[in-house]
Amino acid sequence: MNNFFSSHLDWTFSNGTSSSSKDPNPQFPSGPFTAHLKTSVEFGCSDTTSLAVNIFALPEIKGPRVITTPTGIPVTLPFTYSSNVNAYTWSPSTYLDCTDCPNPISTPVFNTTYTITVTDENHCTSTDTVLVKTICGGDNYFIPNTFSPNNDGVNDVFYPRGKGLHDIQSMRIFNRWGQQVYNSHEYNVPWNGTWKGKPVPVGTFYYIIKTVTRNYNGWVAVIR
């Protein structure tokens, strides 16, 4: 049975868009916006109302896509988060020392992809993943491909790991313009992500590590 009166809906939104739908779906970034509604019937009667809405941004997760580590060697998952994140869930729990902390330590035997789900104080959630790849063989050295020198006590410095570190003769770091930003002739002095006393920017840096028997070179990413 049809309604005796037919109504007209006129939505206008603070971002300049409008709609005549019964259930509009306006797209807004995070922040406040206002929805105004005017309804009218064919006899000319009308009314208006408005609603203020605040949209919260999703929590941010920053971290590497892939981490490489020798089989059985512990590695910290160096993720950073929005300041209002208050809950963490890692899965699977395989090889992890905790599943509800921001930066668990993995001691993997096989390649494992971990998923991190975070919740912030507004009950908004975000997810991300990281693949922890294991390597084995005759190499005595493991050289990380990422570190986060932000003084949070987790993965703050860059240095080779493994057996025979006393064979390392020098470690040199260069930025993408070829400028040397670090040079050490001692195997146990890591790079803390600074150059001339100031933190280097986020990006990739080229390393050359010389040992008694061979040289190692590659790229390491600085994240914060």
C-alpha atoms as a PDB file:
ATOM      1  CA  MET A   1       0.000   0.000   0.000  1.00  0.00           C
ATOM      2  CA  ASN A   2       1.424   3.411  -0.971  1.00  0.00           C
ATOM      3  CA  ASN A   3       1.883   6.202   1.560  1.00  0.00           C
ATOM      4  CA  PHE A   4      -0.751   8.896   1.338  1.00  0.00           C
ATOM      5  CA  PHE A   5       1.919  11.591   1.394  1.00  0.00           C
ATOM      6  CA  SER A   6       5.122  11.387  -0.622  1.00  0.00           C
ATOM      7  CA  SER A   7       8.162  13.145   0.863  1.00  0.00           C
ATOM      8  CA  HIS A   8      11.258  14.677  -0.607  1.00  0.00           C
ATOM      9  CA  LEU A   9      14.678  14.462   1.078  1.00  0.00           C
ATOM     10  CA  ASP A  10      17.335  17.094   0.526  1.00  0.00           C
ATOM     11  CA  TRP A  11      20.703  16.355   2.177  1.00  0.00           C
ATOM     12  CA  THR A  12      23.555  18.874   2.128  1.00  0.00           C
ATOM     13  CA  PHE A  13      26.947  18.250   3.690  1.00  0.00           C
ATOM     14  CA  SER A  14      29.672  20.568   4.884  1.00  0.00           C
ATOM     15  CA  ASN A  15      32.039  19.366   2.161  1.00  0.00           C
ATOM     16  CA  GLY A  16      29.736  20.849  -0.509  1.00  0.00           C
ATOM     17  CA  THR A  17      28.105  17.596  -1.656  1.00  0.00           C
ATOM     18  CA  SER A  18      24.388  16.780  -1.532  1.00  0.00           C
ATOM     19  CA  SER A  19      22.036  13.829  -1.875  1.00  0.00           C
ATOM     20  CA  SER A  20      18.353  12.992  -2.131  1.00  0.00           C
ATOM     21  CA  SER A  21      18.823   9.389  -1.003  1.00  0.00           C
ATOM     22  CA  LYS A  22      17.078   7.997   2.047  1.00  0.00           C
ATOM     23  CA  ASP A  23      20.395   6.576   3.277  1.00  0.00           C
ATOM     24  CA  PRO A  24      23.220   8.707   1.871  1.00  0.00           C
ATOM     25  CA  ASN A  25      26.833   7.626   2.171  1.00  0.00           C
ATOM     26  CA  PRO A  26      29.012  10.763   2.048  1.00  0.00           C
ATOM     27  CA  GLN A  27      32.792  10.296   1.957  1.00  0.00           C
ATOM     28  CA  PHE A  28      34.764  12.397   4.417  1.00  0.00           C
ATOM     29  CA  PRO A  29      38.353  12.341   5.674  1.00  0.00           C
ATOM     30  CA  SER A  30      38.948  12.318   9.405  1.00  0.00           C
ATOM     31  CA  GLY A  31      37.655  15.279  11.359  1.00  0.00           C
ATOM     32  CA  PRO A  32      34.299  16.966  12.037  1.00  0.00           C
ATOM     33  CA  PHE A  33      31.566  17.516   9.458  1.00  0.00           C
ATOM     34  CA  THR A  34      27.899  18.505   9.529  1.00  0.00           C
ATOM     35  CA  ALA A  35      24.967  16.919   7.715  1.00  0.00           C
ATOM     36  CA  HIS A  36      21.860  19.051   7.055  1.00  0.00           C
ATOM     37  CA  LEU A  37      18.517  17.508   6.093  1.00  0.00           C
ATOM     38  CA  LYS A  38      15.436  19.245   4.733  1.00  0.00           C
ATOM     39  CA  THR A  39      12.285  17.188   4.209  1.00  0.00           C
ATOM     40  CA  SER A  40       9.109  18.303   2.504  1.00  0.00           C
ATOM     41  CA  VAL A  41       5.818  16.821   1.301  1.00  0.00           C
ATOM     42  CA  GLU A  42       3.825  17.640  -1.816  1.00  0.00           C
ATOM     43  CA  PHE A  43       1.526  20.015   0.062  1.00  0.00           C
ATOM     44  CA  GLY A  44       4.448  22.302   0.924  1.00  0.00           C
ATOM     45  CA  CYS A  45       5.059  21.369   4.562  1.00  0.00           C
ATOM     46  CA  SER A  46       8.739  21.020   5.395  1.00  0.00           C
ATOM     47  CA  ASP A  47      11.185  20.748   8.264  1.00  0.00           C
ATOM     48  CA  THR A  48      14.953  20.829   8.728  1.00  0.00           C
ATOM     49  CA  THR A  49      17.470  19.241  11.060  1.00  0.00           C
ATOM     50  CA  SER A  50      21.223  18.873  11.242  1.00  0.00           C
ATOM     51  CA  LEU A  51      23.737  16.512  12.790  1.00  0.00           C
ATOM     52  CA  ALA A  52      27.370  17.132  13.714  1.00  0.00           C
ATOM     53  CA  VAL A  53      29.626  14.113  13.212  1.00  0.00           C
ATOM     54  CA  ASN A  54      33.297  13.612  14.088  1.00  0.00           C
ATOM     55  CA  ILE A  55      35.231  10.979  12.122  1.00  0.00           C
ATOM     56  CA  PHE A  56      38.318   9.528  13.791  1.00  0.00           C
ATOM     57  CA  ALA A  57      41.399   8.671  11.735  1.00  0.00           C
ATOM     58  CA  LEU A  58      42.450   5.035  11.666  1.00  0.00           C
ATOM     59  CA  PRO A  59      45.495   4.219  13.786  1.00  0.00           C
ATOM     60  CA  GLU A  60      48.805   4.195  11.903  1.00  0.00           C
ATOM     61  CA  ILE A  61      51.231   1.278  11.713  1.00  0.00           C
ATOM     62  CA  LYS A  62      54.737   1.671  10.295  1.00  0.00           C
ATOM     63  CA  GLY A  63      57.211  -1.143   9.809  1.00  0.00           C
ATOM     64  CA  PRO A  64      59.159  -3.206   7.284  1.00  0.00           C
ATOM     65  CA  ARG A  65      57.514  -5.614   4.860  1.00  0.00           C
ATOM     66  CA  VAL A  66      60.310  -8.179   5.162  1.00  0.00           C
ATOM     67  CA  ILE A  67      62.892  -8.910   7.858  1.00  0.00           C
ATOM     68  CA  THR A  68      65.709 -11.393   7.246  1.00  0.00           C
ATOM     69  CA  THR A  69      67.394 -13.275  10.084  1.00  0.00           C
ATOM     70  CA  PRO A  70      69.472 -16.443  10.463  1.00  0.00           C
ATOM     71  CA  THR A  71      67.504 -19.486  11.572  1.00  0.00           C
ATOM     72  CA  GLY A  72      67.039 -19.455  15.333  1.00  0.00           C
ATOM     73  CA  ILE A  73      68.499 -15.959  15.838  1.00  0.00           C
ATOM     74  CA  PRO A  74      66.105 -13.623  17.744  1.00  0.00           C
ATOM     75  CA  VAL A  75      64.941 -10.518  15.912  1.00  0.00           C
ATOM     76  CA  THR A  76      62.738  -7.691  17.173  1.00  0.00           C
ATOM     77  CA  LEU A  77      59.786  -6.696  14.982  1.00  0.00           C
ATOM     78  CA  PRO A  78      60.502  -2.928  14.713  1.00  0.00           C
ATOM     79  CA  PHE A  79      57.055  -1.408  14.287  1.00  0.00           C
ATOM     80  CA  THR A  80      55.898   2.039  15.383  1.00  0.00           C
ATOM     81  CA  TYR A  81      52.332   3.203  15.942  1.00  0.00           C
ATOM     82  CA  SER A  82      50.069   6.189  16.447  1.00  0.00           C
ATOM     83  CA  SER A  83      50.379   7.647  19.918  1.00  0.00           C
ATOM     84  CA  ASN A  84      46.790   6.741  20.858  1.00  0.00           C
ATOM     85  CA  VAL A  85      47.129   2.987  20.155  1.00  0.00           C
ATOM     86  CA  ASN A  86      46.457   1.051  23.349  1.00  0.00           C
ATOM     87  CA  ALA A  87      46.030  -2.600  22.295  1.00  0.00           C
ATOM     88  CA  TYR A  88      48.122  -4.936  20.148  1.00  0.00           C
ATOM     89  CA  THR A  89      47.410  -8.423  18.796  1.00  0.00           C
ATOM     90  CA  TRP A  90      50.002 -10.447  16.880  1.00  0.00           C
ATOM     91  CA  SER A  91      49.209 -13.652  15.040  1.00  0.00           C
ATOM     92  CA  PRO A  92      50.230 -16.371  14.717  1.00  0.00           C
ATOM     93  CA  SER A  93      51.955 -16.722  18.073  1.00  0.00           C
ATOM     94  CA  THR A  94      54.564 -19.088  16.611  1.00  0.00           C
ATOM     95  CA  TYR A  95      58.144 -18.191  17.666  1.00  0.00           C
ATOM     96  CA  LEU A  96      56.998 -14.951  19.402  1.00  0.00           C
ATOM     97  CA  ASP A  97      57.831 -14.032  22.985  1.00  0.00           C
ATOM     98  CA  CYS A  98      54.549 -12.083  23.305  1.00  0.00           C
ATOM     99  CA  THR A  99      51.405 -11.480  21.246  1.00  0.00           C
ATOM    100  CA  ASP A 100      49.967  -8.394  22.991  1.00  0.00           C
ATOM    101  CA  CYS A 101      53.015  -6.099  22.965  1.00  0.00           C
ATOM    102  CA  PRO A 102      54.075  -3.509  20.362  1.00  0.00           C
ATOM    103  CA  ASN A 103      57.462  -5.050  19.468  1.00  0.00           C
ATOM    104  CA  PRO A 104      57.672  -8.795  20.093  1.00  0.00           C
ATOM    105  CA  ILE A 105      60.840 -10.800  19.554  1.00  0.00           C
ATOM    106  CA  SER A 106      60.660 -13.607  17.011  1.00  0.00           C
ATOM    107  CA  THR A 107      63.042 -16.572  17.076  1.00  0.00           C
ATOM    108  CA  PRO A 108      61.983 -18.221  13.834  1.00  0.00           C
ATOM    109  CA  VAL A 109      62.927 -21.619  12.487  1.00  0.00           C
ATOM    110  CA  PHE A 110      60.938 -21.245   9.268  1.00  0.00           C
ATOM    111  CA  ASN A 111      59.668 -18.296   7.218  1.00  0.00           C
ATOM    112  CA  THR A 112      56.685 -16.788   9.035  1.00  0.00           C
ATOM    113  CA  THR A 113      54.263 -14.017   8.080  1.00  0.00           C
ATOM    114  CA  TYR A 114      52.929 -12.142  11.100  1.00  0.00           C
ATOM    115  CA  THR A 115      49.819  -9.973  11.226  1.00  0.00           C
ATOM    116  CA  ILE A 116      49.573  -7.098  13.690  1.00  0.00           C
ATOM    117  CA  THR A 117      46.165  -5.676  14.599  1.00  0.00           C
ATOM    118  CA  VAL A 118      46.030  -2.551  16.730  1.00  0.00           C
ATOM    119  CA  THR A 119      43.172  -0.737  18.442  1.00  0.00           C
ATOM    120  CA  ASP A 120      43.244   2.882  19.548  1.00  0.00           C
ATOM    121  CA  GLU A 121      41.418   4.776  22.276  1.00  0.00           C
ATOM    122  CA  ASN A 122      38.538   5.477  19.848  1.00  0.00           C
ATOM    123  CA  HIS A 123      38.079   1.717  19.249  1.00  0.00           C
ATOM    124  CA  CYS A 124      39.298   2.070  15.648  1.00  0.00           C
ATOM    125  CA  THR A 125      41.471  -0.758  14.297  1.00  0.00           C
ATOM    126  CA  SER A 126      44.182  -1.201  11.659  1.00  0.00           C
ATOM    127  CA  THR A 127      46.223  -4.188  10.499  1.00  0.00           C
ATOM    128  CA  ASP A 128      49.579  -4.761   8.813  1.00  0.00           C
ATOM    129  CA  THR A 129      51.854  -7.711   8.050  1.00  0.00           C
ATOM    130  CA  VAL A 130      55.553  -8.540   8.041  1.00  0.00           C
ATOM    131  CA  LEU A 131      57.379 -11.561   6.627  1.00  0.00           C
ATOM    132  CA  VAL A 132      60.249 -12.846   8.745  1.00  0.00           C
ATOM    133  CA  LYS A 133      62.537 -14.786   6.408  1.00  0.00           C
ATOM    134  CA  THR A 134      65.065 -17.230   7.768  1.00  0.00           C
ATOM    135  CA  ILE A 135      68.415 -17.948   6.141  1.00  0.00           C
ATOM    136  CA  CYS A 136      70.886 -20.719   6.732  1.00  0.00           C
ATOM    137  CA  GLY A 137      74.121 -21.917   5.226  1.00  0.00           C
ATOM    138  CA  GLY A 138      77.795 -21.160   5.611  1.00  0.00           C
ATOM    139  CA  ASP A 139      77.570 -17.405   6.155  1.00  0.00           C
ATOM    140  CA  ASN A 140      78.906 -16.337   9.531  1.00  0.00           C
ATOM    141  CA  TYR A 141      77.324 -12.889   9.376  1.00  0.00           C
ATOM    142  CA  PHE A 142      73.781 -11.596   9.362  1.00  0.00           C
ATOM    143  CA  ILE A 143      73.317  -7.958   8.351  1.00  0.00           C
ATOM    144  CA  PRO A 144      69.875  -6.423   9.065  1.00  0.00           C
ATOM    145  CA  ASN A 145      68.109  -4.594   6.232  1.00  0.00           C
ATOM    146  CA  THR A 146      66.253  -2.133   8.480  1.00  0.00           C
ATOM    147  CA  PHE A 147      66.526  -0.412  11.848  1.00  0.00           C
ATOM    148  CA  SER A 148      64.710   2.365  13.705  1.00  0.00           C
ATOM    149  CA  PRO A 149      67.044   4.781  15.566  1.00  0.00           C
ATOM    150  CA  ASN A 150      64.339   6.595  17.535  1.00  0.00           C
ATOM    151  CA  ASN A 151      65.727   5.916  21.039  1.00  0.00           C
ATOM    152  CA  ASP A 152      62.833   3.699  22.068  1.00  0.00           C
ATOM    153  CA  GLY A 153      65.191   0.904  23.088  1.00  0.00           C
ATOM    154  CA  VAL A 154      64.104  -1.352  20.207  1.00  0.00           C
ATOM    155  CA  ASN A 155      66.336  -1.926  17.161  1.00  0.00           C
ATOM    156  CA  ASP A 156      68.003   1.475  17.628  1.00  0.00           C
ATOM    157  CA  VAL A 157      71.391   0.671  16.052  1.00  0.00           C
ATOM    158  CA  PHE A 158      72.771  -1.003  12.927  1.00  0.00           C
ATOM    159  CA  TYR A 159      75.525  -3.606  13.128  1.00  0.00           C
ATOM    160  CA  PRO A 160      76.384  -7.068  11.778  1.00  0.00           C
ATOM    161  CA  ARG A 161      75.413 -10.070  13.855  1.00  0.00           C
ATOM    162  CA  GLY A 162      76.586 -13.650  13.965  1.00  0.00           C
ATOM    163  CA  LYS A 163      79.820 -15.544  14.531  1.00  0.00           C
ATOM    164  CA  GLY A 164      83.317 -14.310  13.882  1.00  0.00           C
ATOM    165  CA  LEU A 165      82.532 -10.618  14.355  1.00  0.00           C
ATOM    166  CA  HIS A 166      86.127 -10.009  15.472  1.00  0.00           C
ATOM    167  CA  ASP A 167      87.121 -10.565  11.808  1.00  0.00           C
ATOM    168  CA  ILE A 168      85.353  -7.330  10.792  1.00  0.00           C
ATOM    169  CA  GLN A 169      87.926  -4.687   9.886  1.00  0.00           C
ATOM    170  CA  SER A 170      85.690  -1.712   9.017  1.00  0.00           C
ATOM    171  CA  MET A 171      82.106  -0.611   8.439  1.00  0.00           C
ATOM    172  CA  ARG A 172      81.291   2.407   6.278  1.00  0.00           C
ATOM    173  CA  ILE A 173      77.831   3.912   5.637  1.00  0.00           C
ATOM    174  CA  PHE A 174      76.916   6.234   2.740  1.00  0.00           C
ATOM    175  CA  ASN A 175      73.777   8.200   1.920  1.00  0.00           C
ATOM    176  CA  ARG A 176      72.157   8.043  -1.508  1.00  0.00           C
ATOM    177  CA  TRP A 177      74.340  10.936  -2.747  1.00  0.00           C
ATOM    178  CA  GLY A 178      77.520   9.004  -1.956  1.00  0.00           C
ATOM    179  CA  GLN A 179      78.436  11.007   1.147  1.00  0.00           C
ATOM    180  CA  GLN A 180      79.997   8.956   3.912  1.00  0.00           C
ATOM    181  CA  VAL A 181      77.905   9.323   7.072  1.00  0.00           C
ATOM    182  CA  TYR A 182      79.642   6.724   9.246  1.00  0.00           C
ATOM    183  CA  ASN A 183      83.030   4.996   9.416  1.00  0.00           C
ATOM    184  CA  SER A 184      84.216   2.564  12.071  1.00  0.00           C
ATOM    185  CA  HIS A 185      87.281   0.338  12.269  1.00  0.00           C
ATOM    186  CA  GLU A 186      86.015  -1.548  15.314  1.00  0.00           C
ATOM    187  CA  TYR A 187      83.658  -4.505  14.964  1.00  0.00           C
ATOM    188  CA  ASN A 188      81.673  -3.753  18.135  1.00  0.00           C
ATOM    189  CA  VAL A 189      80.808  -0.071  17.459  1.00  0.00           C
ATOM    190  CA  PRO A 190      77.313   0.074  15.864  1.00  0.00           C
ATOM    191  CA  TRP A 191      75.898   2.974  13.865  1.00  0.00           C
ATOM    192  CA  ASN A 192      73.223   4.871  15.799  1.00  0.00           C
ATOM    193  CA  GLY A 193      71.657   6.569  12.758  1.00  0.00           C
ATOM    194  CA  THR A 194      73.326   9.961  13.185  1.00  0.00           C
ATOM    195  CA  TRP A 195      75.639  12.066  11.015  1.00  0.00           C
ATOM    196  CA  LYS A 196      77.594  15.022  12.393  1.00  0.00           C
ATOM    197  CA  GLY A 197      75.704  14.646  15.645  1.00  0.00           C
ATOM    198  CA  LYS A 198      72.219  14.859  14.088  1.00  0.00           C
ATOM    199  CA  PRO A 199      69.721  12.105  13.182  1.00  0.00           C
ATOM    200  CA  VAL A 200      69.766  11.139   9.509  1.00  0.00           C
ATOM    201  CA  PRO A 201      66.432  11.352   7.642  1.00  0.00           C
ATOM    202  CA  VAL A 202      64.260   8.338   6.931  1.00  0.00           C
ATOM    203  CA  GLY A 203      65.528   6.548   3.827  1.00  0.00           C
ATOM    204  CA  THR A 204      67.980   3.953   2.539  1.00  0.00           C
ATOM    205  CA  PHE A 205      71.730   3.959   3.121  1.00  0.00           C
ATOM    206  CA  TYR A 206      74.507   1.948   1.488  1.00  0.00           C
ATOM    207  CA  TYR A 207      76.956  -0.024   3.634  1.00  0.00           C
ATOM    208  CA  ILE A 208      80.354  -1.573   2.968  1.00  0.00           C
ATOM    209  CA  ILE A 209      81.596  -3.975   5.612  1.00  0.00           C
ATOM    210  CA  LYS A 210      85.106  -5.366   5.225  1.00  0.00           C
ATOM    211  CA  THR A 211      86.209  -8.579   6.917  1.00  0.00           C
ATOM    212  CA  VAL A 212      89.441 -10.529   6.827  1.00  0.00           C
ATOM    213  CA  THR A 213      88.134 -12.834   4.091  1.00  0.00           C
ATOM    214  CA  ARG A 214      85.564 -10.839   2.088  1.00  0.00           C
ATOM    215  CA  ASN A 215      83.499  -7.668   1.764  1.00  0.00           C
ATOM    216  CA  TYR A 216      79.771  -7.277   2.376  1.00  0.00           C
ATOM    217  CA  ASN A 217      77.741  -4.472   0.814  1.00  0.00           C
ATOM    218  CA  GLY A 218      74.067  -3.619   0.481  1.00  0.00           C
ATOM    219  CA  TRP A 219      71.312  -1.299   1.593  1.00  0.00           C
ATOM    220  CA  VAL A 220      69.791  -0.676   5.004  1.00  0.00           C
ATOM    221  CA  ALA A 221      66.548   1.269   5.542  1.00  0.00           C
ATOM    222  CA  VAL A 222      66.201   3.792   8.357  1.00  0.00           C
ATOM    223  CA  ILE A 223      62.664   4.030   9.710  1.00  0.00           C
ATOM    224  CA  ARG A 224      61.309   5.996  12.659  1.00  0.00           C
END
